[in-house]
Amino acid sequence: MPELIQIHDHGVVRELNMARAPVNALNPDLCVALREAIAAAVGSGAAGLVLSGRPKVFSAGLDVPHLLSLADRSALKAAWGEFFGAARALAESPVPVVAAIAGHAPAGGCVLALCCDYRIMASGPFRIGLNESQVGLAVPEGIQHLMRRVVGPHRAERLLVAGEMVEAERALSLGLVDELVDIDDVVPRAVHWLKALLELPRKPMLQTRALARADLAAALQPEAVPLDRFVDDWNDPDTQAGLRALVAKLGK
């Protein structure tokens, strides 16, 4: 079985490359592998992390066909729990994390990117955003907070309510991503940014970072992303119709 997370070391920086073909759909196995890879990297002394994805697709978000196959409520709740566990692992990482976004990042892919310290995206016709409302899902408060903290309350409201996906250039202008580079330079630039940050005095940098990101970790605690309500929304007939239409469209 292929490794779901491929590890590449760049000196003191470790790259965690999501490698679930074809589009890094976030099923429980990938989410668990990501959480474990973060813990292992930190435990082995990595000073910074780069989260990367597949060429032209960072992550296509949650594995909707897998979730639709789960008839049991507890299994569905557990699957969503693993996703939010992976997001929390990024948000609570004690070392800086850069999202190297060399392609599209809708929905859950965008959530993972928003949990990182810095986002570098490939320039070109790639899109990023939280498009949940387009398939009938309400975005929980904790995830809305992630968007508000990077683009501001009013702009976040407009993007979230419309479920808008924005192309790379607009994402940069909104502050949704921090830099655009050529697709082949996304990971090298992420490594370079991290290594420059790591040249700062370590303890005060990490202490300041922890204070600045405390709201991010708090936003992903269970009370801010109530799984029972999420499962209820998922099972709503309108949501199910929207999700099945999405799957049918993707299958064509």
Protein backbone atom coordinates (compact mmCIF):
# COMPACT_ATOMS: atom_id res chain seq x y z
CA MET A 1 0.00 0.00 0.00
CA PRO A 2 1.49 3.37 -1.00
CA GLU A 3 2.41 5.75 1.80
CA LEU A 4 -0.31 8.34 2.30
CA ILE A 5 2.22 10.87 3.61
CA GLN A 6 5.62 10.98 1.95
CA ILE A 7 8.42 12.49 4.01
CA HIS A 8 11.11 14.72 2.54
CA ASP A 9 13.72 16.32 4.76
CA HIS A 10 15.20 19.72 3.88
CA GLY A 11 17.72 20.14 6.66
CA VAL A 12 15.84 21.24 9.79
CA VAL A 13 12.60 21.50 7.78
CA ARG A 14 10.48 18.42 7.13
CA GLU A 15 8.06 18.27 4.21
CA LEU A 16 4.89 16.25 4.71
CA ASN A 17 3.60 15.47 1.25
CA MET A 18 0.00 14.24 1.07
CA ALA A 19 0.11 11.49 -1.54
CA ARG A 20 -3.29 9.85 -1.79
CA ALA A 21 -4.06 9.49 -5.49
CA PRO A 22 -5.63 10.99 -7.40
CA VAL A 23 -6.55 14.25 -5.58
CA ASN A 24 -5.76 13.82 -1.88
CA ALA A 25 -9.39 13.33 -0.92
CA LEU A 26 -9.37 13.45 2.87
CA ASN A 27 -10.60 10.10 4.11
CA PRO A 28 -9.96 8.97 7.72
CA ASP A 29 -6.80 7.06 6.78
CA LEU A 30 -5.18 10.15 5.24
CA CYS A 31 -6.26 12.34 8.16
CA VAL A 32 -4.81 9.90 10.70
CA ALA A 33 -1.60 9.59 8.67
CA LEU A 34 -1.24 13.38 8.59
CA ARG A 35 -1.80 13.73 12.33
CA GLU A 36 0.72 10.99 13.06
CA ALA A 37 3.27 12.46 10.64
CA ILE A 38 3.06 15.85 12.36
CA ALA A 39 3.61 14.25 15.77
CA ALA A 40 6.51 12.16 14.47
CA ALA A 41 8.18 15.14 12.81
CA VAL A 42 7.96 17.27 15.93
CA GLY A 43 9.05 14.35 18.10
CA SER A 44 12.14 13.76 15.98
CA GLY A 45 13.25 17.38 16.20
CA ALA A 46 12.01 19.01 12.99
CA ALA A 47 12.14 22.79 13.51
CA GLY A 48 9.53 23.58 10.84
CA LEU A 49 7.07 21.75 8.59
CA VAL A 50 5.92 22.13 4.99
CA LEU A 51 2.56 20.64 4.10
CA SER A 52 2.38 19.89 0.37
CA GLY A 53 0.00 18.02 -1.93
CA ARG A 54 -0.19 16.48 -5.36
CA PRO A 55 0.65 18.37 -8.57
CA LYS A 56 -2.18 20.77 -9.50
CA VAL A 57 -4.28 19.65 -6.51
CA PHE A 58 -3.21 20.43 -2.95
CA SER A 59 -6.25 18.53 -1.65
CA ALA A 60 -9.73 18.25 -3.11
CA GLY A 61 -11.24 18.26 0.38
CA LEU A 62 -13.21 15.58 2.19
CA ASP A 63 -13.72 12.24 0.46
CA VAL A 64 -17.43 12.76 -0.25
CA PRO A 65 -18.09 9.33 -1.86
CA HIS A 66 -16.57 7.65 1.21
CA LEU A 67 -18.67 9.74 3.58
CA LEU A 68 -21.82 9.03 1.58
CA SER A 69 -21.12 5.31 1.91
CA LEU A 70 -21.27 5.49 5.71
CA ALA A 71 -24.82 4.63 6.71
CA ASP A 72 -23.97 4.35 10.40
CA ARG A 73 -24.12 7.66 12.31
CA SER A 74 -21.23 6.77 14.60
CA ALA A 75 -18.97 5.91 11.64
CA LEU A 76 -19.84 9.21 9.96
CA LYS A 77 -19.17 11.13 13.16
CA ALA A 78 -15.85 9.33 13.58
CA ALA A 79 -14.81 10.20 10.01
CA TRP A 80 -15.55 13.88 10.56
CA GLY A 81 -13.73 13.66 13.87
CA GLU A 82 -10.56 12.42 12.17
CA PHE A 83 -10.65 15.34 9.75
CA PHE A 84 -10.99 17.91 12.51
CA GLY A 85 -8.29 16.05 14.44
CA ALA A 86 -5.88 16.55 11.54
CA ALA A 87 -6.81 20.23 11.31
CA ARG A 88 -6.23 20.65 15.07
CA ALA A 89 -2.85 18.95 14.78
CA LEU A 90 -1.78 21.60 12.28
CA ALA A 91 -3.27 24.45 14.30
CA GLU A 92 -1.61 23.24 17.51
CA SER A 93 1.76 22.36 15.97
CA PRO A 94 4.48 23.71 18.28
CA VAL A 95 6.65 24.46 15.25
CA PRO A 96 5.78 26.68 12.24
CA VAL A 97 3.99 25.10 9.29
CA VAL A 98 3.82 26.42 5.73
CA ALA A 99 1.17 25.26 3.28
CA ALA A 100 2.75 24.67 -0.14
CA ILE A 101 -0.35 24.87 -2.35
CA ALA A 102 0.66 23.77 -5.85
CA GLY A 103 -2.91 23.55 -7.13
CA HIS A 104 -6.58 23.62 -6.15
CA ALA A 105 -7.59 23.69 -2.48
CA PRO A 106 -11.37 23.56 -2.01
CA ALA A 107 -13.28 22.92 1.22
CA GLY A 108 -11.25 20.66 3.52
CA GLY A 109 -8.09 21.42 1.56
CA CYS A 110 -8.61 25.10 2.27
CA VAL A 111 -9.25 24.33 5.96
CA LEU A 112 -5.89 22.57 6.25
CA ALA A 113 -4.15 25.49 4.54
CA LEU A 114 -5.84 27.99 6.88
CA CYS A 115 -4.47 26.05 9.85
CA CYS A 116 -0.89 26.70 8.70
CA ASP A 117 1.23 29.72 9.60
CA TYR A 118 1.81 30.83 6.00
CA ARG A 119 0.35 29.92 2.62
CA ILE A 120 2.32 29.88 -0.65
CA MET A 121 0.24 29.09 -3.74
CA ALA A 122 1.03 28.37 -7.36
CA SER A 123 0.11 31.21 -9.69
CA GLY A 124 -2.29 30.29 -12.46
CA PRO A 125 -5.86 29.03 -12.80
CA PHE A 126 -5.94 27.31 -9.41
CA ARG A 127 -8.75 27.96 -6.92
CA ILE A 128 -9.02 27.99 -3.16
CA GLY A 129 -11.97 28.53 -0.83
CA LEU A 130 -14.66 27.11 1.42
CA ASN A 131 -17.42 26.07 -0.96
CA GLU A 132 -19.52 24.10 1.54
CA SER A 133 -22.66 26.20 1.09
CA GLN A 134 -22.74 25.27 -2.61
CA VAL A 135 -23.33 21.62 -1.71
CA GLY A 136 -25.74 22.32 1.15
CA LEU A 137 -23.43 22.30 4.18
CA ALA A 138 -23.35 25.05 6.79
CA VAL A 139 -19.84 26.15 7.76
CA PRO A 140 -19.43 25.79 11.57
CA GLU A 141 -18.29 28.72 13.68
CA GLY A 142 -14.82 27.33 14.23
CA ILE A 143 -14.12 27.08 10.51
CA GLN A 144 -15.66 30.50 9.85
CA HIS A 145 -13.18 31.90 12.37
CA LEU A 146 -10.28 30.51 10.34
CA MET A 147 -11.46 32.48 7.32
CA ARG A 148 -12.22 35.67 9.27
CA ARG A 149 -8.77 35.80 10.84
CA VAL A 150 -7.06 35.99 7.44
CA VAL A 151 -9.45 38.04 5.26
CA GLY A 152 -11.51 40.02 7.80
CA PRO A 153 -15.14 39.63 8.91
CA HIS A 154 -17.00 41.26 6.01
CA ARG A 155 -15.00 39.61 3.24
CA ALA A 156 -15.22 36.26 5.04
CA GLU A 157 -18.99 36.57 5.25
CA ARG A 158 -19.30 37.19 1.53
CA LEU A 159 -17.00 34.29 0.62
CA LEU A 160 -18.57 31.84 3.06
CA VAL A 161 -22.22 32.58 2.33
CA ALA A 162 -21.64 32.29 -1.43
CA GLY A 163 -19.30 29.30 -1.05
CA GLU A 164 -16.99 31.15 -3.41
CA MET A 165 -13.82 29.64 -4.80
CA VAL A 166 -11.30 32.28 -5.84
CA GLU A 167 -8.39 32.02 -8.27
CA ALA A 168 -4.84 32.46 -7.05
CA GLU A 169 -4.44 36.15 -7.95
CA ARG A 170 -7.62 37.13 -6.12
CA ALA A 171 -6.72 34.90 -3.19
CA LEU A 172 -3.50 36.88 -2.86
CA SER A 173 -5.29 40.24 -3.03
CA LEU A 174 -7.73 39.11 -0.32
CA GLY A 175 -4.96 37.84 1.95
CA LEU A 176 -6.24 34.28 1.73
CA VAL A 177 -2.73 33.29 0.60
CA ASP A 178 0.51 35.09 1.38
CA GLU A 179 2.55 34.58 -1.80
CA LEU A 180 2.22 33.37 -5.37
CA VAL A 181 5.10 31.67 -7.17
CA ASP A 182 5.56 29.40 -10.20
CA ILE A 183 4.20 25.93 -9.54
CA ASP A 184 7.67 24.35 -9.51
CA ASP A 185 8.84 26.86 -6.89
CA VAL A 186 6.07 26.36 -4.33
CA VAL A 187 7.89 23.86 -2.11
CA PRO A 188 11.37 25.45 -2.43
CA ARG A 189 9.93 28.85 -1.53
CA ALA A 190 8.10 27.35 1.46
CA VAL A 191 11.34 25.79 2.70
CA HIS A 192 13.19 29.08 2.18
CA TRP A 193 10.54 31.08 4.09
CA LEU A 194 10.69 28.67 7.00
CA LYS A 195 14.47 28.62 7.19
CA ALA A 196 14.54 32.44 7.26
CA LEU A 197 12.01 32.42 10.12
CA LEU A 198 14.03 29.82 11.98
CA GLU A 199 17.08 32.08 11.98
CA LEU A 200 15.31 34.26 14.57
CA PRO A 201 15.99 33.67 18.28
CA ARG A 202 14.05 30.43 18.75
CA LYS A 203 12.39 30.76 22.14
CA PRO A 204 10.91 34.25 21.75
CA MET A 205 9.79 33.50 18.20
CA LEU A 206 7.95 30.37 19.30
CA GLN A 207 6.43 32.06 22.35
CA THR A 208 5.17 34.97 20.25
CA ARG A 209 3.82 32.55 17.66
CA ALA A 210 1.96 30.53 20.29
CA LEU A 211 0.27 33.67 21.64
CA ALA A 212 -0.64 34.88 18.15
CA ARG A 213 -2.18 31.52 17.22
CA ALA A 214 -4.05 30.75 20.46
CA ASP A 215 -7.36 31.77 18.85
CA LEU A 216 -6.72 29.38 15.96
CA ALA A 217 -6.33 26.37 18.24
CA ALA A 218 -9.38 27.44 20.27
CA ALA A 219 -11.51 27.72 17.12
CA LEU A 220 -11.00 24.02 16.38
CA GLN A 221 -11.87 22.65 19.80
CA PRO A 222 -14.89 20.31 19.80
CA GLU A 223 -17.31 22.92 21.15
CA ALA A 224 -16.62 25.16 18.12
CA VAL A 225 -17.10 22.33 15.61
CA PRO A 226 -19.95 20.28 17.13
CA LEU A 227 -19.89 16.95 15.33
CA ASP A 228 -23.46 15.94 16.17
CA ARG A 229 -24.82 19.07 14.50
CA PHE A 230 -22.50 18.53 11.55
CA VAL A 231 -23.78 14.97 11.09
CA ASP A 232 -27.38 16.21 11.36
CA ASP A 233 -26.71 18.77 8.62
CA TRP A 234 -24.94 16.13 6.51
CA ASN A 235 -28.00 13.89 6.67
CA ASP A 236 -30.45 16.65 5.74
CA PRO A 237 -32.26 15.70 2.48
CA ASP A 238 -31.27 18.94 0.73
CA THR A 239 -27.63 18.40 1.64
CA GLN A 240 -27.70 14.79 0.53
CA ALA A 241 -29.20 15.80 -2.81
CA GLY A 242 -26.51 18.44 -3.34
CA LEU A 243 -23.71 16.04 -2.40
CA ARG A 244 -24.96 13.26 -4.66
CA ALA A 245 -25.29 15.72 -7.54
CA LEU A 246 -21.67 16.74 -6.90
CA VAL A 247 -20.48 13.13 -6.96
CA ALA A 248 -22.41 12.47 -10.18
CA LYS A 249 -20.82 15.54 -11.77
CA LEU A 250 -17.32 14.48 -10.71
CA GLY A 251 -17.93 11.00 -12.12
CA LYS A 252 -18.61 12.27 -15.63
